[in-house]
């Protein structure tokens, strides 16, 4: 799958949430890849594994743990660094996800309006 195809797939699956999370992670640049000239979509693979796990989160702290775990998975613990460097981006992602249509408890509520039990 090309980078463009992966981006399109992520946008289709997660809508604006993908766009926001991708931007937050890119701007945070937690391991400095963008700063040294990596492509702007460098973190899309990590974002693609973070987004589905947001359903596990009940707080920004959980989001921080998820992001750190994914960066450790993709880059190793030494490169990923300590969980603390993901705190700010986690707060941004938590807030945006919490407010998004896909956020916690929104899907269940949305189903009620689409033929579910009222």
N, C-alpha and C. Protein backbone atom coordinates (compact mmCIF):
# COMPACT_ATOMS: atom_id res chain seq x y z
N UNK A 1 0.85 -1.17 0.00
CA UNK A 1 0.00 0.00 0.00
C UNK A 1 0.90 1.24 0.00
N UNK A 2 0.61 2.17 -0.86
CA UNK A 2 1.39 3.39 -0.93
C UNK A 2 1.01 4.32 0.22
N UNK A 3 1.83 5.33 0.44
CA UNK A 3 1.51 6.30 1.49
C UNK A 3 0.17 6.98 1.22
N UNK A 4 -0.07 7.33 -0.04
CA UNK A 4 -1.33 8.01 -0.39
C UNK A 4 -2.53 7.09 -0.14
N UNK A 5 -2.39 5.81 -0.50
CA UNK A 5 -3.48 4.85 -0.26
C UNK A 5 -3.72 4.66 1.23
N UNK A 6 -2.63 4.58 2.01
CA UNK A 6 -2.78 4.41 3.46
C UNK A 6 -3.48 5.62 4.05
N UNK A 7 -3.11 6.82 3.61
CA UNK A 7 -3.73 8.03 4.14
C UNK A 7 -5.21 8.06 3.79
N UNK A 8 -5.55 7.72 2.56
CA UNK A 8 -6.95 7.70 2.14
C UNK A 8 -7.74 6.69 2.97
N UNK A 9 -7.16 5.51 3.19
CA UNK A 9 -7.81 4.48 3.99
C UNK A 9 -8.06 4.96 5.42
N UNK A 10 -7.06 5.60 6.02
CA UNK A 10 -7.21 6.12 7.37
C UNK A 10 -8.28 7.21 7.43
N UNK A 11 -8.30 8.10 6.43
CA UNK A 11 -9.29 9.16 6.40
C UNK A 11 -10.70 8.58 6.27
N UNK A 12 -10.84 7.53 5.45
CA UNK A 12 -12.15 6.90 5.29
C UNK A 12 -12.61 6.20 6.57
N UNK A 13 -11.68 5.56 7.25
CA UNK A 13 -12.02 4.81 8.45
C UNK A 13 -12.28 5.70 9.66
N UNK A 14 -11.55 6.81 9.77
CA UNK A 14 -11.61 7.61 10.99
C UNK A 14 -12.01 9.07 10.77
N UNK A 15 -12.21 9.46 9.54
CA UNK A 15 -12.66 10.81 9.24
C UNK A 15 -11.74 11.89 9.78
N UNK A 16 -12.36 12.95 10.28
CA UNK A 16 -11.60 14.10 10.79
C UNK A 16 -10.72 13.74 11.97
N UNK A 17 -11.09 12.73 12.73
CA UNK A 17 -10.28 12.32 13.87
C UNK A 17 -8.87 11.94 13.41
N UNK A 18 -8.78 11.21 12.29
CA UNK A 18 -7.47 10.87 11.73
C UNK A 18 -6.68 12.15 11.43
N UNK A 19 -7.32 13.09 10.78
CA UNK A 19 -6.65 14.34 10.39
C UNK A 19 -6.10 15.05 11.61
N UNK A 20 -6.90 15.15 12.66
CA UNK A 20 -6.46 15.85 13.87
C UNK A 20 -5.34 15.10 14.58
N UNK A 21 -5.53 13.80 14.77
CA UNK A 21 -4.52 13.02 15.50
C UNK A 21 -3.20 13.02 14.73
N UNK A 22 -3.28 12.88 13.43
CA UNK A 22 -2.07 12.91 12.61
C UNK A 22 -1.34 14.24 12.77
N UNK A 23 -2.10 15.33 12.74
CA UNK A 23 -1.50 16.66 12.90
C UNK A 23 -0.89 16.82 14.29
N UNK A 24 -1.60 16.39 15.32
CA UNK A 24 -1.09 16.51 16.69
C UNK A 24 0.23 15.76 16.86
N UNK A 25 0.27 14.53 16.36
CA UNK A 25 1.49 13.73 16.51
C UNK A 25 2.63 14.34 15.68
N UNK A 26 2.31 14.77 14.48
CA UNK A 26 3.33 15.40 13.62
C UNK A 26 3.89 16.66 14.29
N UNK A 27 3.02 17.49 14.83
CA UNK A 27 3.48 18.73 15.48
C UNK A 27 4.26 18.43 16.76
N UNK A 28 3.85 17.40 17.48
CA UNK A 28 4.58 17.02 18.70
C UNK A 28 5.94 16.44 18.33
N UNK A 29 5.99 15.74 17.21
CA UNK A 29 7.23 15.13 16.71
C UNK A 29 8.03 14.50 17.86
N UNK A 30 7.42 13.53 18.57
CA UNK A 30 8.01 13.05 19.81
C UNK A 30 9.41 12.44 19.70
N UNK A 31 9.76 11.95 18.52
CA UNK A 31 11.11 11.39 18.41
C UNK A 31 11.96 12.16 17.40
N UNK A 32 11.46 13.31 16.98
CA UNK A 32 12.28 14.23 16.19
C UNK A 32 12.46 13.90 14.71
N UNK A 33 11.62 13.08 14.15
CA UNK A 33 11.79 12.71 12.74
C UNK A 33 11.42 13.83 11.78
N UNK A 34 10.37 14.55 12.08
CA UNK A 34 9.95 15.66 11.21
C UNK A 34 11.03 16.74 11.23
N UNK A 35 11.60 16.96 12.39
CA UNK A 35 12.64 17.99 12.54
C UNK A 35 13.86 17.71 11.68
N UNK A 36 14.12 16.43 11.39
CA UNK A 36 15.30 16.11 10.57
C UNK A 36 14.93 15.86 9.11
N UNK A 37 13.70 16.23 8.72
CA UNK A 37 13.34 16.19 7.31
C UNK A 37 12.49 15.01 6.85
N UNK A 38 11.97 14.23 7.76
CA UNK A 38 11.10 13.11 7.37
C UNK A 38 9.82 13.66 6.73
N UNK A 39 9.17 12.86 5.91
CA UNK A 39 7.91 13.31 5.28
C UNK A 39 6.86 13.64 6.34
N UNK A 40 5.95 14.52 5.97
CA UNK A 40 4.92 14.98 6.91
C UNK A 40 4.01 13.84 7.37
N UNK A 41 3.93 12.77 6.61
CA UNK A 41 3.08 11.64 7.00
C UNK A 41 3.89 10.53 7.68
N UNK A 42 5.06 10.86 8.16
CA UNK A 42 5.98 9.89 8.76
C UNK A 42 5.34 9.08 9.88
N UNK A 43 4.48 9.70 10.66
CA UNK A 43 3.90 9.02 11.82
C UNK A 43 2.54 8.36 11.52
N UNK A 44 2.14 8.29 10.26
CA UNK A 44 0.84 7.72 9.93
C UNK A 44 0.70 6.25 10.33
N UNK A 45 1.77 5.49 10.26
CA UNK A 45 1.69 4.09 10.68
C UNK A 45 1.36 4.02 12.16
N UNK A 46 2.01 4.84 12.95
CA UNK A 46 1.74 4.86 14.39
C UNK A 46 0.32 5.36 14.66
N UNK A 47 -0.10 6.38 13.94
CA UNK A 47 -1.45 6.91 14.10
C UNK A 47 -2.47 5.82 13.76
N UNK A 48 -2.18 5.01 12.74
CA UNK A 48 -3.11 3.95 12.34
C UNK A 48 -3.26 2.88 13.42
N UNK A 49 -2.28 2.74 14.31
CA UNK A 49 -2.42 1.77 15.39
C UNK A 49 -2.90 2.43 16.69
N UNK A 50 -2.76 3.72 16.79
CA UNK A 50 -3.26 4.47 17.95
C UNK A 50 -4.78 4.63 17.87
N UNK A 51 -5.28 5.03 16.72
CA UNK A 51 -6.71 5.35 16.58
C UNK A 51 -7.64 4.22 17.04
N UNK A 52 -7.45 2.98 16.61
CA UNK A 52 -8.38 1.94 17.06
C UNK A 52 -8.31 1.68 18.57
N UNK A 53 -7.18 1.99 19.17
CA UNK A 53 -7.01 1.74 20.61
C UNK A 53 -7.62 2.83 21.47
N UNK A 54 -8.03 3.94 20.88
CA UNK A 54 -8.62 5.02 21.69
C UNK A 54 -9.85 4.53 22.45
N UNK A 55 -10.52 3.51 21.94
CA UNK A 55 -11.70 2.98 22.63
C UNK A 55 -11.35 2.43 24.01
N UNK A 56 -10.07 2.07 24.20
CA UNK A 56 -9.60 1.57 25.51
C UNK A 56 -9.48 2.70 26.53
N UNK A 57 -9.36 3.92 26.05
CA UNK A 57 -9.01 5.05 26.91
C UNK A 57 -10.21 5.59 27.68
N UNK A 58 -9.96 5.89 28.95
CA UNK A 58 -10.96 6.56 29.78
C UNK A 58 -10.44 7.90 30.29
N UNK A 59 -9.23 8.26 29.86
CA UNK A 59 -8.62 9.52 30.29
C UNK A 59 -7.45 9.86 29.37
N UNK A 60 -6.95 11.08 29.50
CA UNK A 60 -5.76 11.48 28.75
C UNK A 60 -4.56 10.64 29.15
N UNK A 61 -4.54 10.22 30.39
CA UNK A 61 -3.44 9.35 30.89
C UNK A 61 -3.43 8.02 30.15
N UNK A 62 -4.62 7.48 29.89
CA UNK A 62 -4.72 6.25 29.11
C UNK A 62 -4.23 6.48 27.68
N UNK A 63 -4.60 7.61 27.10
CA UNK A 63 -4.13 7.94 25.75
C UNK A 63 -2.60 8.02 25.74
N UNK A 64 -2.04 8.63 26.76
CA UNK A 64 -0.58 8.73 26.87
C UNK A 64 0.05 7.34 26.89
N UNK A 65 -0.53 6.44 27.67
CA UNK A 65 -0.01 5.07 27.74
C UNK A 65 -0.10 4.39 26.38
N UNK A 66 -1.22 4.55 25.70
CA UNK A 66 -1.42 3.94 24.39
C UNK A 66 -0.40 4.46 23.39
N UNK A 67 -0.24 5.77 23.33
CA UNK A 67 0.71 6.36 22.38
C UNK A 67 2.12 5.88 22.68
N UNK A 68 2.49 5.90 23.93
CA UNK A 68 3.84 5.44 24.30
C UNK A 68 4.02 3.98 23.91
N UNK A 69 3.05 3.13 24.22
CA UNK A 69 3.15 1.72 23.86
C UNK A 69 3.32 1.53 22.36
N UNK A 70 2.59 2.29 21.57
CA UNK A 70 2.70 2.16 20.12
C UNK A 70 4.07 2.65 19.62
N UNK A 71 4.56 3.73 20.18
CA UNK A 71 5.89 4.21 19.76
C UNK A 71 6.98 3.22 20.18
N UNK A 72 6.82 2.62 21.35
CA UNK A 72 7.78 1.58 21.77
C UNK A 72 7.70 0.40 20.81
N UNK A 73 6.49 0.01 20.44
CA UNK A 73 6.31 -1.10 19.50
C UNK A 73 7.01 -0.82 18.17
N UNK A 74 6.82 0.37 17.64
CA UNK A 74 7.34 0.70 16.31
C UNK A 74 8.82 1.09 16.30
N UNK A 75 9.29 1.71 17.38
CA UNK A 75 10.65 2.25 17.36
C UNK A 75 11.58 1.66 18.42
N UNK A 76 11.04 0.94 19.38
CA UNK A 76 11.83 0.44 20.49
C UNK A 76 11.82 1.43 21.64
N UNK A 77 12.05 0.94 22.84
CA UNK A 77 11.95 1.76 24.05
C UNK A 77 12.97 2.89 24.08
N UNK A 78 14.17 2.63 23.64
CA UNK A 78 15.21 3.66 23.70
C UNK A 78 14.87 4.86 22.81
N UNK A 79 14.42 4.60 21.61
CA UNK A 79 14.07 5.70 20.69
C UNK A 79 12.76 6.36 21.12
N UNK A 80 11.79 5.56 21.54
CA UNK A 80 10.49 6.12 21.94
C UNK A 80 10.62 7.06 23.14
N UNK A 81 11.55 6.77 24.01
CA UNK A 81 11.75 7.62 25.18
C UNK A 81 10.72 7.37 26.26
N UNK A 82 10.73 8.20 27.29
CA UNK A 82 9.83 8.01 28.43
C UNK A 82 8.39 8.43 28.11
N UNK A 83 7.43 7.87 28.81
CA UNK A 83 6.02 8.21 28.58
C UNK A 83 5.72 9.71 28.73
N UNK A 84 6.47 10.38 29.58
CA UNK A 84 6.21 11.79 29.87
C UNK A 84 6.25 12.68 28.63
N UNK A 85 7.05 12.31 27.63
CA UNK A 85 7.16 13.18 26.45
C UNK A 85 5.89 13.14 25.59
N UNK A 86 4.98 12.24 25.92
CA UNK A 86 3.72 12.12 25.17
C UNK A 86 2.54 12.78 25.88
N UNK A 87 2.80 13.44 26.99
CA UNK A 87 1.71 14.01 27.81
C UNK A 87 0.91 15.08 27.08
N UNK A 88 1.57 16.04 26.46
CA UNK A 88 0.87 17.14 25.82
C UNK A 88 0.05 16.66 24.63
N UNK A 89 0.65 15.84 23.77
CA UNK A 89 -0.08 15.34 22.61
C UNK A 89 -1.24 14.46 23.05
N UNK A 90 -1.08 13.76 24.15
CA UNK A 90 -2.15 12.91 24.67
C UNK A 90 -3.34 13.73 25.10
N UNK A 91 -3.08 14.86 25.76
CA UNK A 91 -4.16 15.76 26.18
C UNK A 91 -4.93 16.26 24.96
N UNK A 92 -4.21 16.65 23.91
CA UNK A 92 -4.86 17.15 22.70
C UNK A 92 -5.71 16.07 22.05
N UNK A 93 -5.15 14.87 21.95
CA UNK A 93 -5.87 13.77 21.33
C UNK A 93 -7.09 13.40 22.15
N UNK A 94 -6.94 13.31 23.49
CA UNK A 94 -8.06 12.96 24.35
C UNK A 94 -9.20 13.96 24.17
N UNK A 95 -8.89 15.22 24.22
CA UNK A 95 -9.92 16.25 24.09
C UNK A 95 -10.63 16.14 22.74
N UNK A 96 -9.87 16.01 21.68
CA UNK A 96 -10.46 15.93 20.34
C UNK A 96 -11.28 14.66 20.18
N UNK A 97 -10.75 13.53 20.64
CA UNK A 97 -11.48 12.27 20.53
C UNK A 97 -12.75 12.32 21.37
N UNK A 98 -12.65 12.85 22.55
CA UNK A 98 -13.79 12.94 23.45
C UNK A 98 -14.91 13.77 22.84
N UNK A 99 -14.55 14.79 22.07
CA UNK A 99 -15.53 15.67 21.44
C UNK A 99 -15.99 15.16 20.08
N UNK A 100 -15.31 14.17 19.52
CA UNK A 100 -15.63 13.70 18.17
C UNK A 100 -16.85 12.80 18.18
N UNK A 101 -17.40 12.59 17.00
CA UNK A 101 -18.55 11.70 16.83
C UNK A 101 -18.20 10.26 17.18
N UNK A 102 -16.93 9.91 17.09
CA UNK A 102 -16.50 8.54 17.39
C UNK A 102 -16.10 8.38 18.85
N UNK A 103 -16.14 9.45 19.60
CA UNK A 103 -15.69 9.43 20.98
C UNK A 103 -16.46 8.49 21.88
N UNK A 104 -16.05 8.43 23.14
CA UNK A 104 -16.64 7.48 24.08
C UNK A 104 -18.15 7.69 24.21
N UNK A 105 -18.86 6.59 24.16
CA UNK A 105 -20.31 6.55 24.34
C UNK A 105 -21.11 7.21 23.21
N UNK A 106 -20.44 7.73 22.22
CA UNK A 106 -21.17 8.39 21.13
C UNK A 106 -21.76 7.38 20.16
N UNK A 107 -21.02 6.31 19.86
CA UNK A 107 -21.52 5.31 18.92
C UNK A 107 -22.78 4.65 19.45
N UNK A 108 -22.80 4.28 20.72
CA UNK A 108 -23.97 3.65 21.31
C UNK A 108 -25.17 4.59 21.24
N UNK A 109 -24.95 5.85 21.57
CA UNK A 109 -26.04 6.83 21.52
C UNK A 109 -26.51 7.03 20.09
N UNK A 110 -25.56 7.05 19.16
CA UNK A 110 -25.91 7.22 17.74
C UNK A 110 -26.73 6.06 17.22
N UNK A 111 -26.47 4.86 17.70
CA UNK A 111 -27.21 3.69 17.25
C UNK A 111 -28.67 3.78 17.64
N UNK A 112 -28.98 4.39 18.77
CA UNK A 112 -30.37 4.53 19.20
C UNK A 112 -31.19 5.33 18.19
N UNK A 113 -30.54 6.25 17.52
CA UNK A 113 -31.24 7.09 16.56
C UNK A 113 -31.28 6.46 15.17
N UNK A 114 -30.69 5.29 15.04
CA UNK A 114 -30.65 4.65 13.74
C UNK A 114 -31.36 3.29 13.80
N UNK A 115 -32.47 3.25 14.45
CA UNK A 115 -33.25 2.02 14.47
C UNK A 115 -33.08 1.18 15.71
N UNK A 116 -32.31 1.65 16.66
CA UNK A 116 -32.12 0.90 17.91
C UNK A 116 -33.30 1.09 18.83
N UNK A 117 -33.22 0.53 20.00
CA UNK A 117 -34.28 0.68 20.99
C UNK A 117 -34.33 2.11 21.47
N UNK A 118 -35.51 2.67 21.53
CA UNK A 118 -35.64 4.08 21.95
C UNK A 118 -36.28 4.15 23.29
